[in-house]
Amino acid sequence: MKRLLFSTTLLVTMLSCNLVDCTYNGRKLYEGPRGGCYYLNKNGNKTYVDRSYCDCK
């Protein structure tokens, strides 16, 4: 029973998360609400990059 519960939980987690994360110079990329592609720099500010970098799926 524990094994079934663990397997089900793992499957749900995998389906709810992106299995492929886009990165740019080692930083995780985020897509904004209007389609912009950015990463958070060392100061915590958004640094925008070309939108094509967010098409890694």
Protein backbone atom coordinates (compact mmCIF):
# COMPACT_ATOMS: atom_id res chain seq x y z
CA MET A 1 0.00 0.00 0.00
CA LYS A 2 2.82 2.44 0.86
CA ARG A 3 4.51 1.67 -2.44
CA LEU A 4 1.33 2.43 -4.39
CA LEU A 5 0.85 5.71 -2.53
CA PHE A 6 4.46 6.73 -3.15
CA SER A 7 4.21 5.87 -6.86
CA THR A 8 0.98 7.82 -7.24
CA THR A 9 2.42 10.84 -5.44
CA LEU A 10 5.54 10.76 -7.58
CA LEU A 11 3.51 10.56 -10.79
CA VAL A 12 1.27 13.48 -9.82
CA THR A 13 4.33 15.57 -8.90
CA MET A 14 6.02 14.82 -12.21
CA LEU A 15 2.92 15.72 -14.21
CA SER A 16 2.34 18.97 -12.35
CA CYS A 17 5.90 20.26 -12.79
CA ASN A 18 7.77 21.19 -15.92
CA LEU A 19 10.12 18.32 -16.63
CA VAL A 20 12.36 20.57 -18.71
CA ASP A 21 13.60 23.84 -17.26
CA CYS A 22 14.90 26.46 -19.66
CA THR A 23 18.18 28.07 -18.65
CA TYR A 24 20.35 30.91 -19.87
CA ASN A 25 23.97 31.02 -18.66
CA GLY A 26 23.03 28.66 -15.84
CA ARG A 27 20.06 30.72 -14.65
CA LYS A 28 16.48 29.50 -14.73
CA LEU A 29 14.30 31.31 -17.26
CA TYR A 30 10.81 32.53 -16.52
CA GLU A 31 8.07 33.57 -18.92
CA GLY A 32 6.11 36.67 -18.04
CA PRO A 33 2.35 37.14 -18.46
CA ARG A 34 2.83 38.97 -21.76
CA GLY A 35 5.32 36.46 -23.17
CA GLY A 36 8.60 38.07 -22.15
CA CYS A 37 11.48 35.77 -21.28
CA TYR A 38 13.73 36.70 -18.36
CA TYR A 39 15.95 35.45 -15.57
CA LEU A 40 16.67 36.90 -12.16
CA ASN A 41 20.17 38.35 -11.96
CA LYS A 42 22.38 38.32 -8.85
CA ASN A 43 20.65 41.46 -7.55
CA GLY A 44 17.21 39.87 -7.91
CA ASN A 45 16.24 42.05 -10.87
CA LYS A 46 14.71 40.75 -14.09
CA THR A 47 17.06 40.56 -17.06
CA TYR A 48 15.22 40.00 -20.32
CA VAL A 49 16.54 37.75 -23.09
CA ASP A 50 15.19 36.83 -26.50
CA ARG A 51 11.87 34.97 -26.33
CA SER A 52 13.30 32.07 -28.30
CA TYR A 53 15.31 31.01 -25.24
CA CYS A 54 12.04 30.10 -23.45
CA ASP A 55 11.11 27.61 -26.21
CA CYS A 56 13.19 24.74 -24.83
CA LYS A 57 10.31 22.30 -24.28
